């Protein structure tokens, strides 16, 4: 397995939260304004980047024709004027027919009644009944925005839960960062042990970190 595959597998199996990943990133990495449409989902995986421009979702339909599966589909609403980028039809195609894990967009979704009823794993900036047009666009006019978006998102890792979406940039997909994730999980276990079993205060546990000290017989507290 590659380091990316190992990291994704570990995050999925241990359900490492978006909060913990953000902590590992130095309290950063969250996509602003994006939340879960349907609560209770947890997804983690490699990002596949799509985009929408000129108030049209033509490029989303076009680019989905390729081999895209088992990914977190991120749709970048670059120039959509607040319109919903996709709705139930495209969501179903992405999640069921293309067998991807989740949809994330910094734009809006429509057909909310169906998306909620079907309990799709979707993270977005909101909903709207007003959707994008289905018309060809001039990709070249937005090539710099598209390049920047693809450079950052495509191939990165997204961790999505009820707290939101956190992106692990490609340059952080390393053995060192993987070690930081595992250390964070161990620390969480210790903190809960201190609170639940030892009945310590959160100040003593989180701030003072008294669990790092030894008792008078040289054993860890």
C-alpha atoms as a PDB file:
ATOM      1  CA  UNK A   1       0.000   0.000   0.000  1.00  0.00           C
ATOM      2  CA  UNK A   2       1.114   3.555  -0.656  1.00  0.00           C
ATOM      3  CA  UNK A   3       1.349   5.999   2.234  1.00  0.00           C
ATOM      4  CA  UNK A   4      -1.871   7.630   0.990  1.00  0.00           C
ATOM      5  CA  UNK A   5      -3.694   4.291   0.969  1.00  0.00           C
ATOM      6  CA  UNK A   6      -2.402   3.410   4.443  1.00  0.00           C
ATOM      7  CA  UNK A   7      -3.437   6.787   5.826  1.00  0.00           C
ATOM      8  CA  UNK A   8      -6.947   6.593   4.347  1.00  0.00           C
ATOM      9  CA  UNK A   9      -7.381   3.016   5.577  1.00  0.00           C
ATOM     10  CA  UNK A  10      -6.297   3.981   9.102  1.00  0.00           C
ATOM     11  CA  UNK A  11      -8.598   7.015   9.211  1.00  0.00           C
ATOM     12  CA  UNK A  12     -11.560   4.945   8.011  1.00  0.00           C
ATOM     13  CA  UNK A  13     -10.988   1.978  10.322  1.00  0.00           C
ATOM     14  CA  UNK A  14     -10.443   4.171  13.378  1.00  0.00           C
ATOM     15  CA  UNK A  15     -12.975   6.826  12.365  1.00  0.00           C
ATOM     16  CA  UNK A  16     -10.445   9.557  13.006  1.00  0.00           C
ATOM     17  CA  UNK A  17     -12.579  12.676  13.179  1.00  0.00           C
ATOM     18  CA  UNK A  18     -12.282  15.851  11.142  1.00  0.00           C
ATOM     19  CA  UNK A  19     -11.572  17.596  14.454  1.00  0.00           C
ATOM     20  CA  UNK A  20      -8.575  15.368  15.184  1.00  0.00           C
ATOM     21  CA  UNK A  21      -7.220  15.810  11.658  1.00  0.00           C
ATOM     22  CA  UNK A  22      -7.560  19.592  11.986  1.00  0.00           C
ATOM     23  CA  UNK A  23      -5.617  19.402  15.261  1.00  0.00           C
ATOM     24  CA  UNK A  24      -2.863  17.419  13.534  1.00  0.00           C
ATOM     25  CA  UNK A  25      -2.740  20.158  10.874  1.00  0.00           C
ATOM     26  CA  UNK A  26      -2.183  22.803  13.536  1.00  0.00           C
ATOM     27  CA  UNK A  27      -5.839  23.823  13.956  1.00  0.00           C
ATOM     28  CA  UNK A  28      -6.414  24.346  10.225  1.00  0.00           C
ATOM     29  CA  UNK A  29      -7.575  22.554   7.085  1.00  0.00           C
ATOM     30  CA  UNK A  30     -11.351  22.970   7.398  1.00  0.00           C
ATOM     31  CA  UNK A  31     -13.317  24.066   4.330  1.00  0.00           C
ATOM     32  CA  UNK A  32     -15.105  27.231   5.433  1.00  0.00           C
ATOM     33  CA  UNK A  33     -18.882  27.343   5.207  1.00  0.00           C
ATOM     34  CA  UNK A  34     -19.302  23.682   4.255  1.00  0.00           C
ATOM     35  CA  UNK A  35     -21.409  21.388   6.437  1.00  0.00           C
ATOM     36  CA  UNK A  36     -23.134  18.030   6.327  1.00  0.00           C
ATOM     37  CA  UNK A  37     -26.462  18.002   4.510  1.00  0.00           C
ATOM     38  CA  UNK A  38     -27.383  14.775   6.300  1.00  0.00           C
ATOM     39  CA  UNK A  39     -26.002  14.148   9.808  1.00  0.00           C
ATOM     40  CA  UNK A  40     -24.392  10.937  10.961  1.00  0.00           C
ATOM     41  CA  UNK A  41     -22.138  10.215   7.979  1.00  0.00           C
ATOM     42  CA  UNK A  42     -18.388   9.666   8.162  1.00  0.00           C
ATOM     43  CA  UNK A  43     -16.319   9.475   5.000  1.00  0.00           C
ATOM     44  CA  UNK A  44     -12.630   9.706   4.197  1.00  0.00           C
ATOM     45  CA  UNK A  45     -10.867   9.291   0.902  1.00  0.00           C
ATOM     46  CA  UNK A  46      -8.900  10.709  -1.976  1.00  0.00           C
ATOM     47  CA  UNK A  47     -10.369  13.808  -3.614  1.00  0.00           C
ATOM     48  CA  UNK A  48     -11.340  13.921  -7.282  1.00  0.00           C
ATOM     49  CA  UNK A  49     -11.643  17.528  -8.430  1.00  0.00           C
ATOM     50  CA  UNK A  50     -14.479  18.856 -10.589  1.00  0.00           C
ATOM     51  CA  UNK A  51     -15.580  22.448 -11.222  1.00  0.00           C
ATOM     52  CA  UNK A  52     -18.475  24.546 -12.462  1.00  0.00           C
ATOM     53  CA  UNK A  53     -18.209  27.916 -14.237  1.00  0.00           C
ATOM     54  CA  UNK A  54     -20.430  30.442 -16.035  1.00  0.00           C
ATOM     55  CA  UNK A  55     -23.507  29.411 -14.013  1.00  0.00           C
ATOM     56  CA  UNK A  56     -23.421  26.021 -15.766  1.00  0.00           C
ATOM     57  CA  UNK A  57     -22.743  22.463 -14.618  1.00  0.00           C
ATOM     58  CA  UNK A  58     -21.769  21.342 -18.123  1.00  0.00           C
ATOM     59  CA  UNK A  59     -18.180  20.620 -17.042  1.00  0.00           C
ATOM     60  CA  UNK A  60     -19.377  18.470 -14.140  1.00  0.00           C
ATOM     61  CA  UNK A  61     -21.390  16.231 -16.479  1.00  0.00           C
ATOM     62  CA  UNK A  62     -18.584  16.165 -19.036  1.00  0.00           C
ATOM     63  CA  UNK A  63     -15.760  15.300 -16.642  1.00  0.00           C
ATOM     64  CA  UNK A  64     -17.774  12.594 -14.860  1.00  0.00           C
ATOM     65  CA  UNK A  65     -17.652  10.525 -18.052  1.00  0.00           C
ATOM     66  CA  UNK A  66     -14.160   9.355 -17.118  1.00  0.00           C
ATOM     67  CA  UNK A  67     -13.186   6.522 -14.777  1.00  0.00           C
ATOM     68  CA  UNK A  68     -13.950   7.950 -11.353  1.00  0.00           C
ATOM     69  CA  UNK A  69     -14.759   5.592  -8.489  1.00  0.00           C
ATOM     70  CA  UNK A  70     -14.230   5.244  -4.711  1.00  0.00           C
ATOM     71  CA  UNK A  71     -13.377   8.935  -4.408  1.00  0.00           C
ATOM     72  CA  UNK A  72     -14.573  11.987  -2.506  1.00  0.00           C
ATOM     73  CA  UNK A  73     -15.960  14.086  -5.358  1.00  0.00           C
ATOM     74  CA  UNK A  74     -15.197  17.771  -4.762  1.00  0.00           C
ATOM     75  CA  UNK A  75     -17.085  20.224  -6.994  1.00  0.00           C
ATOM     76  CA  UNK A  76     -15.575  23.695  -7.046  1.00  0.00           C
ATOM     77  CA  UNK A  77     -18.206  26.357  -7.704  1.00  0.00           C
ATOM     78  CA  UNK A  78     -15.923  28.927  -9.296  1.00  0.00           C
ATOM     79  CA  UNK A  79     -18.494  31.093 -11.075  1.00  0.00           C
ATOM     80  CA  UNK A  80     -22.048  29.961 -10.343  1.00  0.00           C
ATOM     81  CA  UNK A  81     -23.694  33.090  -8.888  1.00  0.00           C
ATOM     82  CA  UNK A  82     -25.168  31.228  -5.921  1.00  0.00           C
ATOM     83  CA  UNK A  83     -26.962  28.642  -8.056  1.00  0.00           C
ATOM     84  CA  UNK A  84     -27.186  25.023  -6.932  1.00  0.00           C
ATOM     85  CA  UNK A  85     -24.515  23.133  -8.842  1.00  0.00           C
ATOM     86  CA  UNK A  86     -26.188  19.715  -8.965  1.00  0.00           C
ATOM     87  CA  UNK A  87     -29.243  17.909  -7.611  1.00  0.00           C
ATOM     88  CA  UNK A  88     -30.595  14.416  -7.099  1.00  0.00           C
ATOM     89  CA  UNK A  89     -29.937  13.072 -10.602  1.00  0.00           C
ATOM     90  CA  UNK A  90     -26.215  13.841 -10.623  1.00  0.00           C
ATOM     91  CA  UNK A  91     -25.810  12.943  -6.938  1.00  0.00           C
ATOM     92  CA  UNK A  92     -27.298   9.506  -7.575  1.00  0.00           C
ATOM     93  CA  UNK A  93     -25.068   9.039 -10.627  1.00  0.00           C
ATOM     94  CA  UNK A  94     -21.941   9.976  -8.646  1.00  0.00           C
ATOM     95  CA  UNK A  95     -22.706   7.899  -5.556  1.00  0.00           C
ATOM     96  CA  UNK A  96     -24.471   4.835  -6.951  1.00  0.00           C
ATOM     97  CA  UNK A  97     -23.565   4.384 -10.598  1.00  0.00           C
ATOM     98  CA  UNK A  98     -20.013   5.691 -10.323  1.00  0.00           C
ATOM     99  CA  UNK A  99     -19.650   4.180  -6.802  1.00  0.00           C
ATOM    100  CA  UNK A 100     -17.963   7.124  -5.119  1.00  0.00           C
ATOM    101  CA  UNK A 101     -17.884   7.676  -1.382  1.00  0.00           C
ATOM    102  CA  UNK A 102     -19.218  11.225  -0.955  1.00  0.00           C
ATOM    103  CA  UNK A 103     -19.908  14.582  -2.567  1.00  0.00           C
ATOM    104  CA  UNK A 104     -18.353  17.778  -1.241  1.00  0.00           C
ATOM    105  CA  UNK A 105     -18.949  21.197  -2.768  1.00  0.00           C
ATOM    106  CA  UNK A 106     -18.361  24.799  -1.811  1.00  0.00           C
ATOM    107  CA  UNK A 107     -21.568  25.526  -3.728  1.00  0.00           C
ATOM    108  CA  UNK A 108     -25.199  24.655  -3.121  1.00  0.00           C
ATOM    109  CA  UNK A 109     -27.314  21.594  -3.878  1.00  0.00           C
ATOM    110  CA  UNK A 110     -30.917  21.365  -5.073  1.00  0.00           C
ATOM    111  CA  UNK A 111     -33.624  18.695  -4.775  1.00  0.00           C
ATOM    112  CA  UNK A 112     -32.968  18.815  -1.050  1.00  0.00           C
ATOM    113  CA  UNK A 113     -36.126  16.830  -0.240  1.00  0.00           C
ATOM    114  CA  UNK A 114     -34.802  13.833  -2.205  1.00  0.00           C
ATOM    115  CA  UNK A 115     -31.202  14.202  -1.073  1.00  0.00           C
ATOM    116  CA  UNK A 116     -32.377  14.160   2.545  1.00  0.00           C
ATOM    117  CA  UNK A 117     -34.811  11.296   2.008  1.00  0.00           C
ATOM    118  CA  UNK A 118     -32.094   9.182   0.389  1.00  0.00           C
ATOM    119  CA  UNK A 119     -29.666  10.172   3.173  1.00  0.00           C
ATOM    120  CA  UNK A 120     -26.818  10.773   0.737  1.00  0.00           C
ATOM    121  CA  UNK A 121     -23.326  11.545   2.130  1.00  0.00           C
ATOM    122  CA  UNK A 122     -23.140  15.168   0.973  1.00  0.00           C
ATOM    123  CA  UNK A 123     -21.322  18.187   2.375  1.00  0.00           C
ATOM    124  CA  UNK A 124     -22.193  21.572   0.865  1.00  0.00           C
ATOM    125  CA  UNK A 125     -22.639  25.295   1.541  1.00  0.00           C
ATOM    126  CA  UNK A 126     -26.443  25.113   1.525  1.00  0.00           C
ATOM    127  CA  UNK A 127     -29.405  24.374  -0.713  1.00  0.00           C
ATOM    128  CA  UNK A 128     -31.369  26.269  -3.357  1.00  0.00           C
ATOM    129  CA  UNK A 129     -34.193  25.446  -5.777  1.00  0.00           C
ATOM    130  CA  UNK A 130     -32.426  27.489  -8.468  1.00  0.00           C
ATOM    131  CA  UNK A 131     -29.952  25.341 -10.331  1.00  0.00           C
ATOM    132  CA  UNK A 132     -27.200  25.848 -12.865  1.00  0.00           C
ATOM    133  CA  UNK A 133     -27.830  25.866 -16.609  1.00  0.00           C
ATOM    134  CA  UNK A 134     -26.870  22.987 -18.900  1.00  0.00           C
ATOM    135  CA  UNK A 135     -24.870  24.831 -21.521  1.00  0.00           C
ATOM    136  CA  UNK A 136     -21.350  24.653 -22.890  1.00  0.00           C
ATOM    137  CA  UNK A 137     -18.848  27.021 -21.290  1.00  0.00           C
ATOM    138  CA  UNK A 138     -15.515  28.636 -21.996  1.00  0.00           C
ATOM    139  CA  UNK A 139     -13.106  26.723 -19.771  1.00  0.00           C
ATOM    140  CA  UNK A 140     -10.178  28.798 -20.960  1.00  0.00           C
ATOM    141  CA  UNK A 141     -11.576  31.950 -19.368  1.00  0.00           C
ATOM    142  CA  UNK A 142     -11.163  30.327 -15.932  1.00  0.00           C
ATOM    143  CA  UNK A 143      -8.011  28.313 -16.506  1.00  0.00           C
ATOM    144  CA  UNK A 144      -6.041  29.955 -13.665  1.00  0.00           C
ATOM    145  CA  UNK A 145      -8.806  29.373 -11.059  1.00  0.00           C
ATOM    146  CA  UNK A 146      -9.238  25.806 -12.306  1.00  0.00           C
ATOM    147  CA  UNK A 147      -5.483  25.175 -12.192  1.00  0.00           C
ATOM    148  CA  UNK A 148      -5.229  26.433  -8.599  1.00  0.00           C
ATOM    149  CA  UNK A 149      -8.237  24.413  -7.485  1.00  0.00           C
ATOM    150  CA  UNK A 150      -7.045  21.220  -9.129  1.00  0.00           C
ATOM    151  CA  UNK A 151      -3.522  21.706  -7.823  1.00  0.00           C
ATOM    152  CA  UNK A 152      -4.738  21.948  -4.233  1.00  0.00           C
ATOM    153  CA  UNK A 153      -7.656  19.508  -4.117  1.00  0.00           C
ATOM    154  CA  UNK A 154      -7.053  16.760  -6.686  1.00  0.00           C
ATOM    155  CA  UNK A 155      -5.287  13.842  -5.017  1.00  0.00           C
ATOM    156  CA  UNK A 156      -5.516  15.318  -1.517  1.00  0.00           C
ATOM    157  CA  UNK A 157      -7.413  13.521   1.280  1.00  0.00           C
ATOM    158  CA  UNK A 158     -10.760  14.698   2.662  1.00  0.00           C
ATOM    159  CA  UNK A 159     -12.148  13.694   6.055  1.00  0.00           C
ATOM    160  CA  UNK A 160     -15.854  14.450   6.382  1.00  0.00           C
ATOM    161  CA  UNK A 161     -18.181  14.178   9.380  1.00  0.00           C
ATOM    162  CA  UNK A 162     -20.751  16.210  11.291  1.00  0.00           C
ATOM    163  CA  UNK A 163     -18.112  18.804  12.197  1.00  0.00           C
ATOM    164  CA  UNK A 164     -17.439  19.563   8.537  1.00  0.00           C
ATOM    165  CA  UNK A 165     -14.732  18.750   6.002  1.00  0.00           C
ATOM    166  CA  UNK A 166     -10.977  18.884   6.561  1.00  0.00           C
ATOM    167  CA  UNK A 167      -8.501  18.489   3.707  1.00  0.00           C
ATOM    168  CA  UNK A 168      -5.082  16.916   4.183  1.00  0.00           C
ATOM    169  CA  UNK A 169      -2.941  18.612   1.503  1.00  0.00           C
ATOM    170  CA  UNK A 170      -0.826  16.417  -0.738  1.00  0.00           C
ATOM    171  CA  UNK A 171       2.399  17.714   0.791  1.00  0.00           C
ATOM    172  CA  UNK A 172       1.212  16.462   4.205  1.00  0.00           C
ATOM    173  CA  UNK A 173       0.598  12.906   3.002  1.00  0.00           C
ATOM    174  CA  UNK A 174       3.812  11.624   4.552  1.00  0.00           C
ATOM    175  CA  UNK A 175       4.973   9.078   7.108  1.00  0.00           C
ATOM    176  CA  UNK A 176       5.586  11.951   9.527  1.00  0.00           C
ATOM    177  CA  UNK A 177       2.002  13.169   9.300  1.00  0.00           C
ATOM    178  CA  UNK A 178       0.722   9.588   9.551  1.00  0.00           C
ATOM    179  CA  UNK A 179       2.699   9.273  12.788  1.00  0.00           C
ATOM    180  CA  UNK A 180       1.050  12.491  14.010  1.00  0.00           C
ATOM    181  CA  UNK A 181      -2.413  11.051  13.349  1.00  0.00           C
ATOM    182  CA  UNK A 182      -1.616   7.877  15.268  1.00  0.00           C
ATOM    183  CA  UNK A 183      -0.138   9.906  18.123  1.00  0.00           C
ATOM    184  CA  UNK A 184      -3.296  12.019  18.216  1.00  0.00           C
ATOM    185  CA  UNK A 185      -5.424   8.878  18.527  1.00  0.00           C
ATOM    186  CA  UNK A 186      -3.257   7.633  21.395  1.00  0.00           C
ATOM    187  CA  UNK A 187      -3.499  10.998  23.135  1.00  0.00           C
ATOM    188  CA  UNK A 188      -7.299  10.973  22.837  1.00  0.00           C
ATOM    189  CA  UNK A 189      -7.395   7.520  24.446  1.00  0.00           C
ATOM    190  CA  UNK A 190      -5.221   8.770  27.314  1.00  0.00           C
ATOM    191  CA  UNK A 191      -7.328  11.894  27.845  1.00  0.00           C
ATOM    192  CA  UNK A 192     -10.561   9.920  28.043  1.00  0.00           C
ATOM    193  CA  UNK A 193      -8.937   7.475  30.441  1.00  0.00           C
ATOM    194  CA  UNK A 194      -7.901  10.389  32.686  1.00  0.00           C
ATOM    195  CA  UNK A 195     -11.393  11.910  32.624  1.00  0.00           C
ATOM    196  CA  UNK A 196     -13.545   8.762  32.679  1.00  0.00           C
ATOM    197  CA  UNK A 197     -11.506   6.387  34.869  1.00  0.00           C
ATOM    198  CA  UNK A 198      -9.168   8.539  36.933  1.00  0.00           C
ATOM    199  CA  UNK A 199     -11.789  11.310  37.353  1.00  0.00           C
ATOM    200  CA  UNK A 200      -9.263  14.058  36.722  1.00  0.00           C
ATOM    201  CA  UNK A 201     -10.250  17.589  35.713  1.00  0.00           C
ATOM    202  CA  UNK A 202      -9.893  18.671  32.098  1.00  0.00           C
ATOM    203  CA  UNK A 203      -7.392  21.303  33.272  1.00  0.00           C
ATOM    204  CA  UNK A 204      -5.146  18.685  34.854  1.00  0.00           C
ATOM    205  CA  UNK A 205      -5.521  16.423  31.816  1.00  0.00           C
ATOM    206  CA  UNK A 206      -5.409  18.741  28.825  1.00  0.00           C
ATOM    207  CA  UNK A 207      -3.471  21.750  30.085  1.00  0.00           C
ATOM    208  CA  UNK A 208      -1.077  20.372  32.708  1.00  0.00           C
ATOM    209  CA  UNK A 209      -0.811  16.915  31.111  1.00  0.00           C
ATOM    210  CA  UNK A 210      -0.158  15.292  34.468  1.00  0.00           C
ATOM    211  CA  UNK A 211      -0.308  11.851  32.846  1.00  0.00           C
ATOM    212  CA  UNK A 212       3.223  12.513  31.610  1.00  0.00           C
ATOM    213  CA  UNK A 213       4.533  12.611  35.160  1.00  0.00           C
ATOM    214  CA  UNK A 214       5.615   9.664  37.331  1.00  0.00           C
ATOM    215  CA  UNK A 215       4.362   8.790  40.800  1.00  0.00           C
ATOM    216  CA  UNK A 216       6.755   8.450  43.732  1.00  0.00           C
ATOM    217  CA  UNK A 217       7.559   4.848  42.681  1.00  0.00           C
ATOM    218  CA  UNK A 218       8.619   5.839  39.177  1.00  0.00           C
ATOM    219  CA  UNK A 219       5.494   4.536  37.449  1.00  0.00           C
ATOM    220  CA  UNK A 220       3.408   6.586  34.999  1.00  0.00           C
ATOM    221  CA  UNK A 221       0.405   8.166  36.699  1.00  0.00           C
END
